[in-house]
Each structure stands twice: as structure tokens, then as C-alpha cells.
Amino acid sequence: MTVILTLLGTAASVWAAVWLVDGFEFSGDWWQFLVVALIVGLANAFAKPFLKLISLPLIALTLGLFLIIVNALILQFSVWLAGPDVLDLGLTSDGFFWSTFWASIVISVAGWILGLVVPDRGGMSRTT
């Protein structure tokens, strides 16, 4: 049940980014959108810890602000996977960086808000 809620929360966050950010667009069916949310979730679960580890000096030097760049890179990787060149799921981003950068901020804020609204039933605190 937690996995389904997490997937739906990620899908809601990505939908908010598609709706709010110009140049970050989705054109596909609802099931493709769920696959995109799964890709974003898996990228956050597996690639993000590795990127955070190798960029730890930059994260410390910028007092954590470099994490925004890490989030944007993870999202750009997800857009590349879900884009027309690889899986063709309908998620696109104009240009290489700016629309993805703003979309990653929207996704982070929306995920944070959803994390406050939907309680974590797994027993672990989301603040740790």
C-alpha cells in the first residue's frame, strides 16, 4: 500500500510540474504517466544516492544548494528515459536544463507538501 501511495504522490508531483512549468510537457495516456512516475521514483531511489555521494564536496561547499542541481539532473535523466528517443512515454522538456530545473523544484515542493498531508504509515519519520 505504501508503494502505491508513493507512486501516486510522485505522479501528482510530476503532474503539478507539467501543469505549472512551460516547456515541461506530457502527451500520453494515463498508464504512460504512471510509468513516468515509476521511472522518476526509481531514479530518485537508485541514482540520486550515488550522485549525492560523488557530489558531496560540492553539496558541502554550497551548503546544500547543489542538491537542486542533483534533483534537476535526476529529472533530466528521467525525461531522457521517458522521452521519444528511448521509451517514448510522452514526457518532454524543452532545452536541456531550465525547464527541467524549474520542474524539479516544483516536484520537490509538491512532494514535500504531499508528505505533510499524507501521513507515513511505515513507522519511519520523513524528516530523518
C-alpha atoms as a PDB file:
ATOM      1  CA  MET A   1       0.000   0.000   0.000  1.00  0.00           C
ATOM      2  CA  THR A   2       2.873   2.369   0.780  1.00  0.00           C
ATOM      3  CA  VAL A   3       4.391   1.752  -2.650  1.00  0.00           C
ATOM      4  CA  ILE A   4       1.113   2.643  -4.351  1.00  0.00           C
ATOM      5  CA  LEU A   5       0.755   5.829  -2.287  1.00  0.00           C
ATOM      6  CA  THR A   6       4.335   6.789  -3.070  1.00  0.00           C
ATOM      7  CA  LEU A   7       3.754   6.182  -6.784  1.00  0.00           C
ATOM      8  CA  LEU A   8       0.562   8.258  -6.727  1.00  0.00           C
ATOM      9  CA  GLY A   9       2.342  11.020  -4.802  1.00  0.00           C
ATOM     10  CA  THR A  10       5.146  11.084  -7.356  1.00  0.00           C
ATOM     11  CA  ALA A  11       2.594  11.120 -10.170  1.00  0.00           C
ATOM     12  CA  ALA A  12       0.793  14.056  -8.536  1.00  0.00           C
ATOM     13  CA  SER A  13       4.077  15.939  -8.145  1.00  0.00           C
ATOM     14  CA  VAL A  14       5.061  15.346 -11.775  1.00  0.00           C
ATOM     15  CA  TRP A  15       1.559  16.381 -12.883  1.00  0.00           C
ATOM     16  CA  ALA A  16       1.939  19.643 -10.942  1.00  0.00           C
ATOM     17  CA  ALA A  17       5.250  20.283 -12.708  1.00  0.00           C
ATOM     18  CA  VAL A  18       3.725  19.538 -16.128  1.00  0.00           C
ATOM     19  CA  TRP A  19       0.858  21.893 -15.335  1.00  0.00           C
ATOM     20  CA  LEU A  20       2.965  24.758 -13.924  1.00  0.00           C
ATOM     21  CA  VAL A  21       6.233  24.768 -15.898  1.00  0.00           C
ATOM     22  CA  ASP A  22       6.318  25.919 -19.511  1.00  0.00           C
ATOM     23  CA  GLY A  23       8.412  23.601 -21.644  1.00  0.00           C
ATOM     24  CA  PHE A  24       7.939  20.591 -19.376  1.00  0.00           C
ATOM     25  CA  GLU A  25       5.175  18.662 -21.084  1.00  0.00           C
ATOM     26  CA  PHE A  26       3.462  15.313 -21.180  1.00  0.00           C
ATOM     27  CA  SER A  27       1.420  13.944 -24.059  1.00  0.00           C
ATOM     28  CA  GLY A  28       0.294  10.394 -23.475  1.00  0.00           C
ATOM     29  CA  ASP A  29      -2.185   8.118 -21.765  1.00  0.00           C
ATOM     30  CA  TRP A  30      -2.756   7.786 -18.021  1.00  0.00           C
ATOM     31  CA  TRP A  31      -0.866   4.487 -17.814  1.00  0.00           C
ATOM     32  CA  GLN A  32       2.142   6.080 -19.509  1.00  0.00           C
ATOM     33  CA  PHE A  33       2.022   8.816 -16.882  1.00  0.00           C
ATOM     34  CA  LEU A  34       2.144   6.186 -14.128  1.00  0.00           C
ATOM     35  CA  VAL A  35       5.156   4.585 -15.831  1.00  0.00           C
ATOM     36  CA  VAL A  36       6.819   8.023 -15.940  1.00  0.00           C
ATOM     37  CA  ALA A  37       6.117   8.433 -12.208  1.00  0.00           C
ATOM     38  CA  LEU A  38       7.644   4.990 -11.622  1.00  0.00           C
ATOM     39  CA  ILE A  39      10.755   5.991 -13.603  1.00  0.00           C
ATOM     40  CA  VAL A  40      11.109   9.212 -11.590  1.00  0.00           C
ATOM     41  CA  GLY A  41      10.669   7.277  -8.352  1.00  0.00           C
ATOM     42  CA  LEU A  42      13.208   4.619  -9.314  1.00  0.00           C
ATOM     43  CA  ALA A  43      15.710   7.258 -10.439  1.00  0.00           C
ATOM     44  CA  ASN A  44      15.286   9.010  -7.090  1.00  0.00           C
ATOM     45  CA  ALA A  45      15.698   5.738  -5.220  1.00  0.00           C
ATOM     46  CA  PHE A  46      18.755   4.380  -7.025  1.00  0.00           C
ATOM     47  CA  ALA A  47      20.643   7.081  -8.942  1.00  0.00           C
ATOM     48  CA  LYS A  48      20.157  10.003  -6.563  1.00  0.00           C
ATOM     49  CA  PRO A  49      22.072   8.492  -3.597  1.00  0.00           C
ATOM     50  CA  PHE A  50      25.040   7.790  -5.883  1.00  0.00           C
ATOM     51  CA  LEU A  51      25.010  11.328  -7.303  1.00  0.00           C
ATOM     52  CA  LYS A  52      24.730  12.777  -3.809  1.00  0.00           C
ATOM     53  CA  LEU A  53      27.712  10.730  -2.703  1.00  0.00           C
ATOM     54  CA  ILE A  54      30.004  11.761  -5.550  1.00  0.00           C
ATOM     55  CA  SER A  55      28.935  15.411  -5.303  1.00  0.00           C
ATOM     56  CA  LEU A  56      29.270  15.601  -1.524  1.00  0.00           C
ATOM     57  CA  PRO A  57      32.123  18.158  -1.625  1.00  0.00           C
ATOM     58  CA  LEU A  58      30.039  20.498  -3.805  1.00  0.00           C
ATOM     59  CA  ILE A  59      26.992  19.990  -1.593  1.00  0.00           C
ATOM     60  CA  ALA A  60      29.052  20.901   1.472  1.00  0.00           C
ATOM     61  CA  LEU A  61      30.693  23.869  -0.283  1.00  0.00           C
ATOM     62  CA  THR A  62      27.332  25.328  -1.348  1.00  0.00           C
ATOM     63  CA  LEU A  63      25.655  24.476   1.978  1.00  0.00           C
ATOM     64  CA  GLY A  64      23.210  22.122   0.275  1.00  0.00           C
ATOM     65  CA  LEU A  65      22.188  24.294  -2.665  1.00  0.00           C
ATOM     66  CA  PHE A  66      23.874  21.903  -5.094  1.00  0.00           C
ATOM     67  CA  LEU A  67      21.150  19.392  -4.228  1.00  0.00           C
ATOM     68  CA  ILE A  68      18.845  21.414  -6.500  1.00  0.00           C
ATOM     69  CA  ILE A  69      21.217  20.659  -9.382  1.00  0.00           C
ATOM     70  CA  VAL A  70      21.295  16.970  -8.393  1.00  0.00           C
ATOM     71  CA  ASN A  71      17.474  16.888  -8.440  1.00  0.00           C
ATOM     72  CA  ALA A  72      17.432  18.546 -11.857  1.00  0.00           C
ATOM     73  CA  LEU A  73      19.964  16.030 -13.222  1.00  0.00           C
ATOM     74  CA  ILE A  74      17.899  13.099 -11.927  1.00  0.00           C
ATOM     75  CA  LEU A  75      14.780  14.573 -13.513  1.00  0.00           C
ATOM     76  CA  GLN A  76      16.621  15.175 -16.785  1.00  0.00           C
ATOM     77  CA  PHE A  77      17.699  11.523 -16.750  1.00  0.00           C
ATOM     78  CA  SER A  78      14.054  10.521 -16.232  1.00  0.00           C
ATOM     79  CA  VAL A  79      12.951  12.799 -19.089  1.00  0.00           C
ATOM     80  CA  TRP A  80      15.578  11.209 -21.329  1.00  0.00           C
ATOM     81  CA  LEU A  81      14.367   7.702 -20.436  1.00  0.00           C
ATOM     82  CA  ALA A  82      10.685   8.588 -20.898  1.00  0.00           C
ATOM     83  CA  GLY A  83      11.313  10.727 -23.975  1.00  0.00           C
ATOM     84  CA  PRO A  84      10.756   9.887 -27.626  1.00  0.00           C
ATOM     85  CA  ASP A  85      14.298   8.543 -28.155  1.00  0.00           C
ATOM     86  CA  VAL A  86      14.186   5.725 -25.591  1.00  0.00           C
ATOM     87  CA  LEU A  87      10.803   4.575 -24.195  1.00  0.00           C
ATOM     88  CA  ASP A  88       8.516   7.107 -25.927  1.00  0.00           C
ATOM     89  CA  LEU A  89       6.199   7.641 -22.957  1.00  0.00           C
ATOM     90  CA  GLY A  90       5.388  11.255 -23.821  1.00  0.00           C
ATOM     91  CA  LEU A  91       7.394  13.261 -21.270  1.00  0.00           C
ATOM     92  CA  THR A  92       9.440  16.028 -22.877  1.00  0.00           C
ATOM     93  CA  SER A  93      11.407  19.042 -21.737  1.00  0.00           C
ATOM     94  CA  ASP A  94      12.338  21.997 -23.944  1.00  0.00           C
ATOM     95  CA  GLY A  95      16.002  22.729 -23.949  1.00  0.00           C
ATOM     96  CA  PHE A  96      18.342  20.856 -21.696  1.00  0.00           C
ATOM     97  CA  PHE A  97      18.234  22.492 -18.333  1.00  0.00           C
ATOM     98  CA  TRP A  98      15.956  25.385 -17.373  1.00  0.00           C
ATOM     99  CA  SER A  99      12.533  23.835 -17.740  1.00  0.00           C
ATOM    100  CA  THR A 100      13.833  20.690 -16.050  1.00  0.00           C
ATOM    101  CA  PHE A 101      15.395  22.798 -13.299  1.00  0.00           C
ATOM    102  CA  TRP A 102      12.105  24.566 -12.519  1.00  0.00           C
ATOM    103  CA  ALA A 103      10.157  21.319 -12.849  1.00  0.00           C
ATOM    104  CA  SER A 104      12.458  19.656 -10.307  1.00  0.00           C
ATOM    105  CA  ILE A 105      11.787  22.491  -7.863  1.00  0.00           C
ATOM    106  CA  VAL A 106       8.018  22.148  -8.390  1.00  0.00           C
ATOM    107  CA  ILE A 107       8.237  18.360  -7.935  1.00  0.00           C
ATOM    108  CA  SER A 108      10.262  18.764  -4.740  1.00  0.00           C
ATOM    109  CA  VAL A 109       7.862  21.313  -3.243  1.00  0.00           C
ATOM    110  CA  ALA A 110       4.777  19.312  -4.279  1.00  0.00           C
ATOM    111  CA  GLY A 111       6.288  16.127  -2.839  1.00  0.00           C
ATOM    112  CA  TRP A 112       7.099  17.932   0.380  1.00  0.00           C
ATOM    113  CA  ILE A 113       3.525  19.235   0.665  1.00  0.00           C
ATOM    114  CA  LEU A 114       2.113  15.781  -0.071  1.00  0.00           C
ATOM    115  CA  GLY A 115       4.435  14.326   2.553  1.00  0.00           C
ATOM    116  CA  LEU A 116       2.963  16.704   5.103  1.00  0.00           C
ATOM    117  CA  VAL A 117      -0.631  15.919   4.115  1.00  0.00           C
ATOM    118  CA  VAL A 118      -0.350  12.133   3.732  1.00  0.00           C
ATOM    119  CA  PRO A 119       0.990  10.533   6.918  1.00  0.00           C
ATOM    120  CA  ASP A 120       3.728   7.925   6.699  1.00  0.00           C
ATOM    121  CA  ARG A 121       2.334   4.628   7.973  1.00  0.00           C
ATOM    122  CA  GLY A 122       5.622   2.753   7.737  1.00  0.00           C
ATOM    123  CA  GLY A 123       6.724   3.900  11.183  1.00  0.00           C
ATOM    124  CA  MET A 124       9.663   5.928   9.909  1.00  0.00           C
ATOM    125  CA  SER A 125       9.722   9.673  10.106  1.00  0.00           C
ATOM    126  CA  ARG A 126      10.011  11.589   6.832  1.00  0.00           C
ATOM    127  CA  THR A 127      12.144  14.244   8.471  1.00  0.00           C
ATOM    128  CA  THR A 128      15.120  11.975   9.052  1.00  0.00           C
END
